[in-house]
Amino acid sequence: MKRNLATVLSYAEKCKNILASNWQGSLNTIKADSKGSKGDIYSSKVKYILRGGQPYLWVPENDLHNVNTIIDERGSFAVTSPYPGPVGVLLKSTKKLPARVALVGDVVPLKEDKAKSLAKKLQEVIVSEQKAMNDFTHIASGVLSSSVSNTSRRDNLEELLGDDERFSIFRFKTRSCTFIDSCGGTFDVDVEDMEKSKADLLAPFSAKLIDGINQSKARRTALMLFCFVYMDAHPKDAYITAIDRKGFDVLAMIPSPVSKDGIGEYQGKEFRFMFKEEAKDVEAFCRQLAEMEEEVVKKVSSSSGLKSN
């Protein structure tokens, strides 16, 4: 069957959404000391925000990256789709990895005036996301409030504004970009295309939305009904693993063929479900999801009624 490219995002858009939805990544630089580069790789987790298509990194002042980048600015930065709550455990059990972005480029320190300006931008981002949370209607806030994991991008970024730890701010100047899917497939992405692509407005809230949906037994039941009605699958359970303006991905636990001892197991199978129209923001996403849930329940109820007659 010919794939309809309009139903999925481009790899550049997927990369931008992953970068916009997360708040931390793995920074890798080349180890160095007073004698120069040692050639080994040093890696640590750092927090960041995305501005003008480029990641800006907050690196603790006592972190070795500060020394390494004085000798050699080359580095790499890897960011994964945030998989909070129960879905992360499920993915590990099915030996699947989160989709991720791998960037290669230069780690360039910001001058003091630019660093102060970016710190103000960080505060604006935090305030803006909090305001958006406060303004959501009960449809969206109901989903978000179901999240019990530490999935708020705003809360995680707010830790950078505390007085307990000092940071150096770096710009990651990207030279190459690679998208890596959940099966380990790699796809080169044009850096210019990625920078020009706009992240979905719901991307900063995607981790909290995913966790909120997956923490709800009723919503997971609806996901199972989607698989049953539209994909002719009979899952034991189902979880959302990714969302975007066009739709969402579901990982369903499907019975495997019966083994030699007669005991069946479950394997993870991914399905893609599309919205009737693009969800431009969090409110639109939650509204269309609720409409789809109502629709599939009616279909099942109608089918059950026909069978009983």
C-alpha atoms as a PDB file:
ATOM      1  CA  MET A   1       0.000   0.000   0.000  1.00  0.00           C
ATOM      2  CA  LYS A   2       1.374   3.404  -0.966  1.00  0.00           C
ATOM      3  CA  ARG A   3       2.191   5.502   2.077  1.00  0.00           C
ATOM      4  CA  ASN A   4       0.465   8.848   2.363  1.00  0.00           C
ATOM      5  CA  LEU A   5       3.262  11.213   3.327  1.00  0.00           C
ATOM      6  CA  ALA A   6       0.733  13.817   4.498  1.00  0.00           C
ATOM      7  CA  THR A   7      -0.138  11.612   7.477  1.00  0.00           C
ATOM      8  CA  VAL A   8       3.303  11.881   9.075  1.00  0.00           C
ATOM      9  CA  LEU A   9       5.772  14.613   9.881  1.00  0.00           C
ATOM     10  CA  SER A  10       9.004  15.037   7.953  1.00  0.00           C
ATOM     11  CA  TYR A  11      12.181  13.883   9.700  1.00  0.00           C
ATOM     12  CA  ALA A  12      13.149  17.540  10.121  1.00  0.00           C
ATOM     13  CA  GLU A  13       9.819  18.240  11.853  1.00  0.00           C
ATOM     14  CA  LYS A  14      10.215  15.165  14.044  1.00  0.00           C
ATOM     15  CA  CYS A  15      13.665  16.347  15.113  1.00  0.00           C
ATOM     16  CA  LYS A  16      12.380  19.825  15.925  1.00  0.00           C
ATOM     17  CA  ASN A  17       9.493  18.385  17.963  1.00  0.00           C
ATOM     18  CA  ILE A  18      11.813  16.146  19.983  1.00  0.00           C
ATOM     19  CA  LEU A  19      14.124  19.077  20.723  1.00  0.00           C
ATOM     20  CA  ALA A  20      11.160  21.285  21.667  1.00  0.00           C
ATOM     21  CA  SER A  21       9.528  18.650  23.889  1.00  0.00           C
ATOM     22  CA  ASN A  22      12.544  17.741  26.005  1.00  0.00           C
ATOM     23  CA  TRP A  23      14.614  19.869  28.381  1.00  0.00           C
ATOM     24  CA  GLN A  24      17.771  17.793  28.788  1.00  0.00           C
ATOM     25  CA  GLY A  25      20.160  15.816  26.628  1.00  0.00           C
ATOM     26  CA  SER A  26      23.543  14.077  26.652  1.00  0.00           C
ATOM     27  CA  LEU A  27      26.432  16.390  25.801  1.00  0.00           C
ATOM     28  CA  ASN A  28      29.652  14.753  24.612  1.00  0.00           C
ATOM     29  CA  THR A  29      32.963  16.601  24.388  1.00  0.00           C
ATOM     30  CA  ILE A  30      36.598  15.523  23.938  1.00  0.00           C
ATOM     31  CA  LYS A  31      38.459  15.152  27.233  1.00  0.00           C
ATOM     32  CA  ALA A  32      41.248  17.637  27.788  1.00  0.00           C
ATOM     33  CA  ASP A  33      43.649  18.853  30.462  1.00  0.00           C
ATOM     34  CA  SER A  34      46.408  21.465  30.690  1.00  0.00           C
ATOM     35  CA  LYS A  35      48.493  19.470  28.197  1.00  0.00           C
ATOM     36  CA  GLY A  36      45.771  19.437  25.551  1.00  0.00           C
ATOM     37  CA  SER A  37      43.290  16.965  24.135  1.00  0.00           C
ATOM     38  CA  LYS A  38      43.319  13.364  25.357  1.00  0.00           C
ATOM     39  CA  GLY A  39      41.025  12.068  22.631  1.00  0.00           C
ATOM     40  CA  ASP A  40      38.622  10.274  25.009  1.00  0.00           C
ATOM     41  CA  ILE A  41      34.968  11.288  25.163  1.00  0.00           C
ATOM     42  CA  TYR A  42      33.384  12.802  28.243  1.00  0.00           C
ATOM     43  CA  SER A  43      29.592  12.711  28.528  1.00  0.00           C
ATOM     44  CA  SER A  44      27.063  14.189  30.948  1.00  0.00           C
ATOM     45  CA  LYS A  45      23.412  15.268  31.051  1.00  0.00           C
ATOM     46  CA  VAL A  46      22.773  18.992  30.627  1.00  0.00           C
ATOM     47  CA  LYS A  47      19.606  21.071  30.363  1.00  0.00           C
ATOM     48  CA  TYR A  48      18.823  23.307  27.422  1.00  0.00           C
ATOM     49  CA  ILE A  49      16.282  25.447  25.613  1.00  0.00           C
ATOM     50  CA  LEU A  50      15.776  25.837  21.877  1.00  0.00           C
ATOM     51  CA  ARG A  51      16.109  29.330  20.418  1.00  0.00           C
ATOM     52  CA  GLY A  52      16.295  30.208  16.727  1.00  0.00           C
ATOM     53  CA  GLY A  53      16.532  26.530  15.830  1.00  0.00           C
ATOM     54  CA  GLN A  54      19.667  25.978  17.954  1.00  0.00           C
ATOM     55  CA  PRO A  55      20.038  24.385  21.404  1.00  0.00           C
ATOM     56  CA  TYR A  56      21.485  26.588  24.157  1.00  0.00           C
ATOM     57  CA  LEU A  57      23.021  24.517  26.930  1.00  0.00           C
ATOM     58  CA  TRP A  58      23.228  25.206  30.666  1.00  0.00           C
ATOM     59  CA  VAL A  59      26.414  23.470  31.868  1.00  0.00           C
ATOM     60  CA  PRO A  60      27.286  23.468  35.603  1.00  0.00           C
ATOM     61  CA  GLU A  61      30.438  25.516  36.210  1.00  0.00           C
ATOM     62  CA  ASN A  62      32.222  22.533  37.807  1.00  0.00           C
ATOM     63  CA  ASP A  63      31.468  20.256  34.835  1.00  0.00           C
ATOM     64  CA  LEU A  64      34.414  19.009  32.774  1.00  0.00           C
ATOM     65  CA  HIS A  65      32.796  20.280  29.556  1.00  0.00           C
ATOM     66  CA  ASN A  66      33.913  23.792  30.509  1.00  0.00           C
ATOM     67  CA  VAL A  67      37.568  22.752  30.341  1.00  0.00           C
ATOM     68  CA  ASN A  68      37.180  20.467  27.333  1.00  0.00           C
ATOM     69  CA  THR A  69      35.612  23.138  25.112  1.00  0.00           C
ATOM     70  CA  ILE A  70      38.467  25.578  25.768  1.00  0.00           C
ATOM     71  CA  ILE A  71      40.838  23.130  24.032  1.00  0.00           C
ATOM     72  CA  ASP A  72      38.432  21.655  21.474  1.00  0.00           C
ATOM     73  CA  GLU A  73      34.954  23.011  20.707  1.00  0.00           C
ATOM     74  CA  ARG A  74      33.835  19.913  18.819  1.00  0.00           C
ATOM     75  CA  GLY A  75      31.038  17.967  20.424  1.00  0.00           C
ATOM     76  CA  SER A  76      27.805  16.036  19.983  1.00  0.00           C
ATOM     77  CA  PHE A  77      24.425  16.373  21.627  1.00  0.00           C
ATOM     78  CA  ALA A  78      21.781  13.629  21.822  1.00  0.00           C
ATOM     79  CA  VAL A  79      18.149  14.230  22.824  1.00  0.00           C
ATOM     80  CA  THR A  80      15.455  11.570  23.132  1.00  0.00           C
ATOM     81  CA  SER A  81      11.683  11.756  23.019  1.00  0.00           C
ATOM     82  CA  PRO A  82      10.685  12.051  26.690  1.00  0.00           C
ATOM     83  CA  TYR A  83       8.984   8.765  27.641  1.00  0.00           C
ATOM     84  CA  PRO A  84       7.630   9.321  31.146  1.00  0.00           C
ATOM     85  CA  GLY A  85       5.835   7.020  33.539  1.00  0.00           C
ATOM     86  CA  PRO A  86       4.749   3.471  32.670  1.00  0.00           C
ATOM     87  CA  VAL A  87       5.494   3.702  28.954  1.00  0.00           C
ATOM     88  CA  GLY A  88       9.244   3.920  29.600  1.00  0.00           C
ATOM     89  CA  VAL A  89       9.197   0.620  31.492  1.00  0.00           C
ATOM     90  CA  LEU A  90       7.058  -0.973  28.775  1.00  0.00           C
ATOM     91  CA  LEU A  91       9.445   0.127  26.021  1.00  0.00           C
ATOM     92  CA  LYS A  92      12.390  -1.429  27.828  1.00  0.00           C
ATOM     93  CA  SER A  93      10.483  -4.698  28.191  1.00  0.00           C
ATOM     94  CA  THR A  94       9.799  -4.770  24.438  1.00  0.00           C
ATOM     95  CA  LYS A  95      13.414  -3.765  23.675  1.00  0.00           C
ATOM     96  CA  LYS A  96      12.367  -0.581  21.927  1.00  0.00           C
ATOM     97  CA  LEU A  97      14.168   2.724  22.314  1.00  0.00           C
ATOM     98  CA  PRO A  98      12.748   6.236  22.252  1.00  0.00           C
ATOM     99  CA  ALA A  99      13.089   8.091  18.967  1.00  0.00           C
ATOM    100  CA  ARG A 100      15.995  10.486  19.297  1.00  0.00           C
ATOM    101  CA  VAL A 101      18.018  13.222  17.651  1.00  0.00           C
ATOM    102  CA  ALA A 102      21.814  13.180  17.369  1.00  0.00           C
ATOM    103  CA  LEU A 103      23.536  16.489  16.637  1.00  0.00           C
ATOM    104  CA  VAL A 104      27.196  17.011  15.779  1.00  0.00           C
ATOM    105  CA  GLY A 105      28.752  20.454  15.915  1.00  0.00           C
ATOM    106  CA  ASP A 106      30.639  22.977  18.049  1.00  0.00           C
ATOM    107  CA  VAL A 107      30.010  23.890  21.684  1.00  0.00           C
ATOM    108  CA  VAL A 108      30.520  27.652  21.753  1.00  0.00           C
ATOM    109  CA  PRO A 109      30.498  29.627  25.045  1.00  0.00           C
ATOM    110  CA  LEU A 110      28.325  32.733  25.170  1.00  0.00           C
ATOM    111  CA  LYS A 111      29.748  36.093  26.162  1.00  0.00           C
ATOM    112  CA  GLU A 112      28.465  37.509  29.424  1.00  0.00           C
ATOM    113  CA  ASP A 113      25.968  39.947  27.882  1.00  0.00           C
ATOM    114  CA  LYS A 114      24.460  37.274  25.611  1.00  0.00           C
ATOM    115  CA  ALA A 115      24.342  34.792  28.496  1.00  0.00           C
ATOM    116  CA  LYS A 116      22.370  37.291  30.613  1.00  0.00           C
ATOM    117  CA  SER A 117      20.005  37.931  27.707  1.00  0.00           C
ATOM    118  CA  LEU A 118      19.406  34.213  27.258  1.00  0.00           C
ATOM    119  CA  ALA A 119      18.784  33.770  30.996  1.00  0.00           C
ATOM    120  CA  LYS A 120      15.987  36.337  30.630  1.00  0.00           C
ATOM    121  CA  LYS A 121      14.618  34.382  27.653  1.00  0.00           C
ATOM    122  CA  LEU A 122      14.609  31.255  29.815  1.00  0.00           C
ATOM    123  CA  GLN A 123      12.534  33.039  32.437  1.00  0.00           C
ATOM    124  CA  GLU A 124      10.122  34.227  29.721  1.00  0.00           C
ATOM    125  CA  VAL A 125       9.728  30.634  28.483  1.00  0.00           C
ATOM    126  CA  ILE A 126       8.930  29.410  32.003  1.00  0.00           C
ATOM    127  CA  VAL A 127       6.402  32.196  32.638  1.00  0.00           C
ATOM    128  CA  SER A 128       4.795  31.661  29.216  1.00  0.00           C
ATOM    129  CA  GLU A 129       4.335  27.921  29.743  1.00  0.00           C
ATOM    130  CA  GLN A 130       2.910  28.468  33.233  1.00  0.00           C
ATOM    131  CA  LYS A 131       0.432  31.013  31.845  1.00  0.00           C
ATOM    132  CA  ALA A 132      -0.608  28.548  29.150  1.00  0.00           C
ATOM    133  CA  MET A 133      -1.178  25.872  31.820  1.00  0.00           C
ATOM    134  CA  ASN A 134      -3.334  28.260  33.844  1.00  0.00           C
ATOM    135  CA  ASP A 135      -5.434  29.187  30.789  1.00  0.00           C
ATOM    136  CA  PHE A 136      -6.220  25.637  29.648  1.00  0.00           C
ATOM    137  CA  THR A 137      -9.864  24.566  29.768  1.00  0.00           C
ATOM    138  CA  HIS A 138     -10.968  21.548  31.799  1.00  0.00           C
ATOM    139  CA  ILE A 139     -10.559  19.273  28.741  1.00  0.00           C
ATOM    140  CA  ALA A 140      -6.820  19.901  28.535  1.00  0.00           C
ATOM    141  CA  SER A 141      -6.162  20.443  32.239  1.00  0.00           C
ATOM    142  CA  GLY A 142      -7.942  17.173  33.008  1.00  0.00           C
ATOM    143  CA  VAL A 143      -5.465  15.229  30.857  1.00  0.00           C
ATOM    144  CA  LEU A 144      -2.423  17.134  32.128  1.00  0.00           C
ATOM    145  CA  SER A 145      -3.425  16.802  35.786  1.00  0.00           C
ATOM    146  CA  SER A 146      -3.464  12.996  35.441  1.00  0.00           C
ATOM    147  CA  SER A 147       0.303  13.036  34.948  1.00  0.00           C
ATOM    148  CA  VAL A 148       2.073  11.916  38.120  1.00  0.00           C
ATOM    149  CA  SER A 149       5.661  11.817  36.829  1.00  0.00           C
ATOM    150  CA  ASN A 150       8.141  14.692  36.821  1.00  0.00           C
ATOM    151  CA  THR A 151       7.204  15.560  33.238  1.00  0.00           C
ATOM    152  CA  SER A 152       6.687  19.323  33.352  1.00  0.00           C
ATOM    153  CA  ARG A 153       9.247  20.994  31.096  1.00  0.00           C
ATOM    154  CA  ARG A 154       8.598  24.242  32.929  1.00  0.00           C
ATOM    155  CA  ASP A 155       9.339  22.706  36.354  1.00  0.00           C
ATOM    156  CA  ASN A 156      12.547  21.102  35.113  1.00  0.00           C
ATOM    157  CA  LEU A 157      13.786  24.293  33.472  1.00  0.00           C
ATOM    158  CA  GLU A 158      12.870  26.371  36.534  1.00  0.00           C
ATOM    159  CA  GLU A 159      15.604  24.579  38.462  1.00  0.00           C
ATOM    160  CA  LEU A 160      18.145  26.498  36.343  1.00  0.00           C
ATOM    161  CA  LEU A 161      17.016  29.775  37.931  1.00  0.00           C
ATOM    162  CA  GLY A 162      17.858  28.709  41.492  1.00  0.00           C
ATOM    163  CA  ASP A 163      20.859  30.005  43.439  1.00  0.00           C
ATOM    164  CA  ASP A 164      22.165  26.582  44.471  1.00  0.00           C
ATOM    165  CA  GLU A 165      24.270  26.013  41.364  1.00  0.00           C
ATOM    166  CA  ARG A 166      25.981  28.268  38.843  1.00  0.00           C
ATOM    167  CA  PHE A 167      26.042  27.538  35.120  1.00  0.00           C
ATOM    168  CA  SER A 168      27.939  28.412  31.974  1.00  0.00           C
ATOM    169  CA  ILE A 169      25.754  28.865  28.906  1.00  0.00           C
ATOM    170  CA  PHE A 170      26.830  27.483  25.537  1.00  0.00           C
ATOM    171  CA  ARG A 171      25.387  27.596  22.063  1.00  0.00           C
ATOM    172  CA  PHE A 172      25.459  24.268  20.256  1.00  0.00           C
ATOM    173  CA  LYS A 173      26.283  25.222  16.672  1.00  0.00           C
ATOM    174  CA  THR A 174      24.939  22.262  14.676  1.00  0.00           C
ATOM    175  CA  ARG A 175      26.824  20.945  11.648  1.00  0.00           C
ATOM    176  CA  SER A 176      24.927  17.682  11.121  1.00  0.00           C
ATOM    177  CA  CYS A 177      21.677  16.162  12.351  1.00  0.00           C
ATOM    178  CA  THR A 178      20.451  12.556  12.437  1.00  0.00           C
ATOM    179  CA  PHE A 179      17.013  11.228  13.345  1.00  0.00           C
ATOM    180  CA  ILE A 180      17.034   7.763  14.953  1.00  0.00           C
ATOM    181  CA  ASP A 181      13.719   5.889  15.142  1.00  0.00           C
ATOM    182  CA  SER A 182      12.573   3.408  17.806  1.00  0.00           C
ATOM    183  CA  CYS A 183      13.952   0.471  15.807  1.00  0.00           C
ATOM    184  CA  GLY A 184      17.411   2.041  15.488  1.00  0.00           C
ATOM    185  CA  GLY A 185      16.995   3.225  11.895  1.00  0.00           C
ATOM    186  CA  THR A 186      19.035   6.355  11.128  1.00  0.00           C
ATOM    187  CA  PHE A 187      18.050   9.174   8.779  1.00  0.00           C
ATOM    188  CA  ASP A 188      20.235  12.149   7.885  1.00  0.00           C
ATOM    189  CA  VAL A 189      18.419  15.466   8.181  1.00  0.00           C
ATOM    190  CA  ASP A 190      19.415  18.675   6.437  1.00  0.00           C
ATOM    191  CA  VAL A 191      20.380  21.124   9.195  1.00  0.00           C
ATOM    192  CA  GLU A 192      18.852  24.048   7.336  1.00  0.00           C
ATOM    193  CA  ASP A 193      15.546  22.169   6.929  1.00  0.00           C
ATOM    194  CA  MET A 194      15.521  21.303  10.618  1.00  0.00           C
ATOM    195  CA  GLU A 195      16.196  24.901  11.674  1.00  0.00           C
ATOM    196  CA  LYS A 196      13.468  26.232   9.376  1.00  0.00           C
ATOM    197  CA  SER A 197      10.905  23.693  10.604  1.00  0.00           C
ATOM    198  CA  LYS A 198       8.564  24.881  13.322  1.00  0.00           C
ATOM    199  CA  ALA A 199       7.854  22.728  16.339  1.00  0.00           C
ATOM    200  CA  ASP A 200       4.222  21.896  17.113  1.00  0.00           C
ATOM    201  CA  LEU A 201       2.695  24.227  19.695  1.00  0.00           C
ATOM    202  CA  LEU A 202       1.846  21.198  21.805  1.00  0.00           C
ATOM    203  CA  ALA A 203       5.465  19.930  21.807  1.00  0.00           C
ATOM    204  CA  PRO A 204       6.519  21.597  25.108  1.00  0.00           C
ATOM    205  CA  PHE A 205       3.609  19.817  26.829  1.00  0.00           C
ATOM    206  CA  SER A 206       3.910  16.474  25.032  1.00  0.00           C
ATOM    207  CA  ALA A 207       5.647  14.596  27.868  1.00  0.00           C
ATOM    208  CA  LYS A 208       2.964  15.643  30.347  1.00  0.00           C
ATOM    209  CA  LEU A 209       0.181  14.860  27.855  1.00  0.00           C
ATOM    210  CA  ILE A 210       1.587  11.397  27.112  1.00  0.00           C
ATOM    211  CA  ASP A 211       1.950  10.581  30.802  1.00  0.00           C
ATOM    212  CA  GLY A 212      -1.505  11.977  31.630  1.00  0.00           C
ATOM    213  CA  ILE A 213      -3.143   9.776  28.998  1.00  0.00           C
ATOM    214  CA  ASN A 214      -1.152   6.677  29.929  1.00  0.00           C
ATOM    215  CA  GLN A 215      -1.855   7.060  33.661  1.00  0.00           C
ATOM    216  CA  SER A 216      -5.607   6.886  32.970  1.00  0.00           C
ATOM    217  CA  LYS A 217      -7.059   3.380  32.756  1.00  0.00           C
ATOM    218  CA  ALA A 218     -10.151   4.723  30.957  1.00  0.00           C
ATOM    219  CA  ARG A 219      -8.059   6.405  28.267  1.00  0.00           C
ATOM    220  CA  ARG A 220      -5.870   3.327  27.825  1.00  0.00           C
ATOM    221  CA  THR A 221      -9.064   1.312  27.374  1.00  0.00           C
ATOM    222  CA  ALA A 222     -10.033   3.738  24.606  1.00  0.00           C
ATOM    223  CA  LEU A 223      -6.623   3.184  22.993  1.00  0.00           C
ATOM    224  CA  MET A 224      -7.281  -0.564  23.094  1.00  0.00           C
ATOM    225  CA  LEU A 225     -10.648   0.022  21.406  1.00  0.00           C
ATOM    226  CA  PHE A 226      -8.924   2.075  18.670  1.00  0.00           C
ATOM    227  CA  CYS A 227      -6.655  -0.912  17.985  1.00  0.00           C
ATOM    228  CA  PHE A 228      -9.595  -3.316  17.996  1.00  0.00           C
ATOM    229  CA  VAL A 229     -12.029  -1.304  15.849  1.00  0.00           C
ATOM    230  CA  TYR A 230      -9.643   0.314  13.363  1.00  0.00           C
ATOM    231  CA  MET A 231      -6.671  -2.098  13.256  1.00  0.00           C
ATOM    232  CA  ASP A 232      -8.401  -5.451  13.934  1.00  0.00           C
ATOM    233  CA  ALA A 233      -6.008  -6.051  16.824  1.00  0.00           C
ATOM    234  CA  HIS A 234      -6.832  -7.433  20.291  1.00  0.00           C
ATOM    235  CA  PRO A 235      -4.351  -5.895  22.732  1.00  0.00           C
ATOM    236  CA  LYS A 236      -4.052  -6.670  26.430  1.00  0.00           C
ATOM    237  CA  ASP A 237      -3.084  -3.040  27.023  1.00  0.00           C
ATOM    238  CA  ALA A 238      -2.081   0.024  25.003  1.00  0.00           C
ATOM    239  CA  TYR A 239      -0.073   3.177  25.588  1.00  0.00           C
ATOM    240  CA  ILE A 240       0.540   6.376  23.653  1.00  0.00           C
ATOM    241  CA  THR A 241       4.245   6.759  22.827  1.00  0.00           C
ATOM    242  CA  ALA A 242       4.309   9.892  20.648  1.00  0.00           C
ATOM    243  CA  ILE A 243       2.001  12.769  19.768  1.00  0.00           C
ATOM    244  CA  ASP A 244       2.049  15.525  17.169  1.00  0.00           C
ATOM    245  CA  ARG A 245      -0.368  17.830  15.391  1.00  0.00           C
ATOM    246  CA  LYS A 246      -1.339  15.151  12.844  1.00  0.00           C
ATOM    247  CA  GLY A 247      -2.094  12.321  15.289  1.00  0.00           C
ATOM    248  CA  PHE A 248      -0.459   9.934  17.733  1.00  0.00           C
ATOM    249  CA  ASP A 249       1.409   6.625  17.961  1.00  0.00           C
ATOM    250  CA  VAL A 250       0.214   3.744  20.123  1.00  0.00           C
ATOM    251  CA  LEU A 251       2.204   0.770  21.387  1.00  0.00           C
ATOM    252  CA  ALA A 252      -0.226  -2.127  21.867  1.00  0.00           C
ATOM    253  CA  MET A 253       0.573  -5.344  23.707  1.00  0.00           C
ATOM    254  CA  ILE A 254      -0.636  -8.044  21.290  1.00  0.00           C
ATOM    255  CA  PRO A 255      -0.770 -11.792  22.108  1.00  0.00           C
ATOM    256  CA  SER A 256       2.135 -13.665  20.522  1.00  0.00           C
ATOM    257  CA  PRO A 257       1.736 -17.097  18.887  1.00  0.00           C
ATOM    258  CA  VAL A 258       1.371 -19.833  21.485  1.00  0.00           C
ATOM    259  CA  SER A 259       4.754 -21.200  22.547  1.00  0.00           C
ATOM    260  CA  LYS A 260       5.710 -24.863  22.813  1.00  0.00           C
ATOM    261  CA  ASP A 261       4.571 -25.087  26.419  1.00  0.00           C
ATOM    262  CA  GLY A 262       1.173 -23.705  25.425  1.00  0.00           C
ATOM    263  CA  ILE A 263       1.642 -20.399  27.201  1.00  0.00           C
ATOM    264  CA  GLY A 264       1.172 -17.318  25.075  1.00  0.00           C
ATOM    265  CA  GLU A 265       3.211 -14.144  25.557  1.00  0.00           C
ATOM    266  CA  TYR A 266       2.705 -10.544  24.473  1.00  0.00           C
ATOM    267  CA  GLN A 267       4.656  -8.484  21.983  1.00  0.00           C
ATOM    268  CA  GLY A 268       4.587  -4.762  21.352  1.00  0.00           C
ATOM    269  CA  LYS A 269       3.099  -3.567  18.072  1.00  0.00           C
ATOM    270  CA  GLU A 270       2.957   0.056  16.981  1.00  0.00           C
ATOM    271  CA  PHE A 271      -0.049   1.714  15.364  1.00  0.00           C
ATOM    272  CA  ARG A 272      -0.550   5.211  13.990  1.00  0.00           C
ATOM    273  CA  PHE A 273      -3.867   7.049  14.435  1.00  0.00           C
ATOM    274  CA  MET A 274      -4.684  10.242  12.557  1.00  0.00           C
ATOM    275  CA  PHE A 275      -6.789  13.262  13.439  1.00  0.00           C
ATOM    276  CA  LYS A 276      -9.458  14.504  11.036  1.00  0.00           C
ATOM    277  CA  GLU A 277      -7.781  17.911  11.147  1.00  0.00           C
ATOM    278  CA  GLU A 278      -4.431  19.059  12.483  1.00  0.00           C
ATOM    279  CA  ALA A 279      -4.343  19.777  16.218  1.00  0.00           C
ATOM    280  CA  LYS A 280      -2.684  23.177  16.313  1.00  0.00           C
ATOM    281  CA  ASP A 281      -2.361  23.285  20.105  1.00  0.00           C
ATOM    282  CA  VAL A 282      -2.916  21.330  23.322  1.00  0.00           C
ATOM    283  CA  GLU A 283      -6.615  22.209  23.502  1.00  0.00           C
ATOM    284  CA  ALA A 284      -7.242  20.975  19.946  1.00  0.00           C
ATOM    285  CA  PHE A 285      -5.303  17.753  20.630  1.00  0.00           C
ATOM    286  CA  CYS A 286      -7.301  16.936  23.769  1.00  0.00           C
ATOM    287  CA  ARG A 287     -10.599  17.855  22.133  1.00  0.00           C
ATOM    288  CA  GLN A 288     -10.025  15.636  19.097  1.00  0.00           C
ATOM    289  CA  LEU A 289      -8.797  12.769  21.259  1.00  0.00           C
ATOM    290  CA  ALA A 290     -11.984  13.007  23.357  1.00  0.00           C
ATOM    291  CA  GLU A 291     -14.109  13.045  20.186  1.00  0.00           C
ATOM    292  CA  MET A 292     -12.317   9.944  18.887  1.00  0.00           C
ATOM    293  CA  GLU A 293     -12.884   8.203  22.225  1.00  0.00           C
ATOM    294  CA  GLU A 294     -16.619   8.965  22.103  1.00  0.00           C
ATOM    295  CA  GLU A 295     -16.818   7.813  18.496  1.00  0.00           C
ATOM    296  CA  VAL A 296     -15.110   4.469  19.089  1.00  0.00           C
ATOM    297  CA  VAL A 297     -17.281   3.742  22.151  1.00  0.00           C
ATOM    298  CA  LYS A 298     -20.404   4.376  20.027  1.00  0.00           C
ATOM    299  CA  LYS A 299     -19.084   2.041  17.330  1.00  0.00           C
ATOM    300  CA  VAL A 300     -18.466  -0.740  19.839  1.00  0.00           C
ATOM    301  CA  SER A 301     -21.847  -0.190  21.536  1.00  0.00           C
ATOM    302  CA  SER A 302     -23.630  -0.215  18.182  1.00  0.00           C
ATOM    303  CA  SER A 303     -21.827  -3.384  17.114  1.00  0.00           C
ATOM    304  CA  SER A 304     -22.644  -5.084  20.434  1.00  0.00           C
ATOM    305  CA  GLY A 305     -26.297  -4.113  20.055  1.00  0.00           C
ATOM    306  CA  LEU A 306     -26.503  -5.646  16.598  1.00  0.00           C
ATOM    307  CA  LYS A 307     -24.929  -8.874  17.819  1.00  0.00           C
ATOM    308  CA  SER A 308     -27.306  -9.152  20.773  1.00  0.00           C
ATOM    309  CA  ASN A 309     -30.262  -8.827  18.402  1.00  0.00           C
END
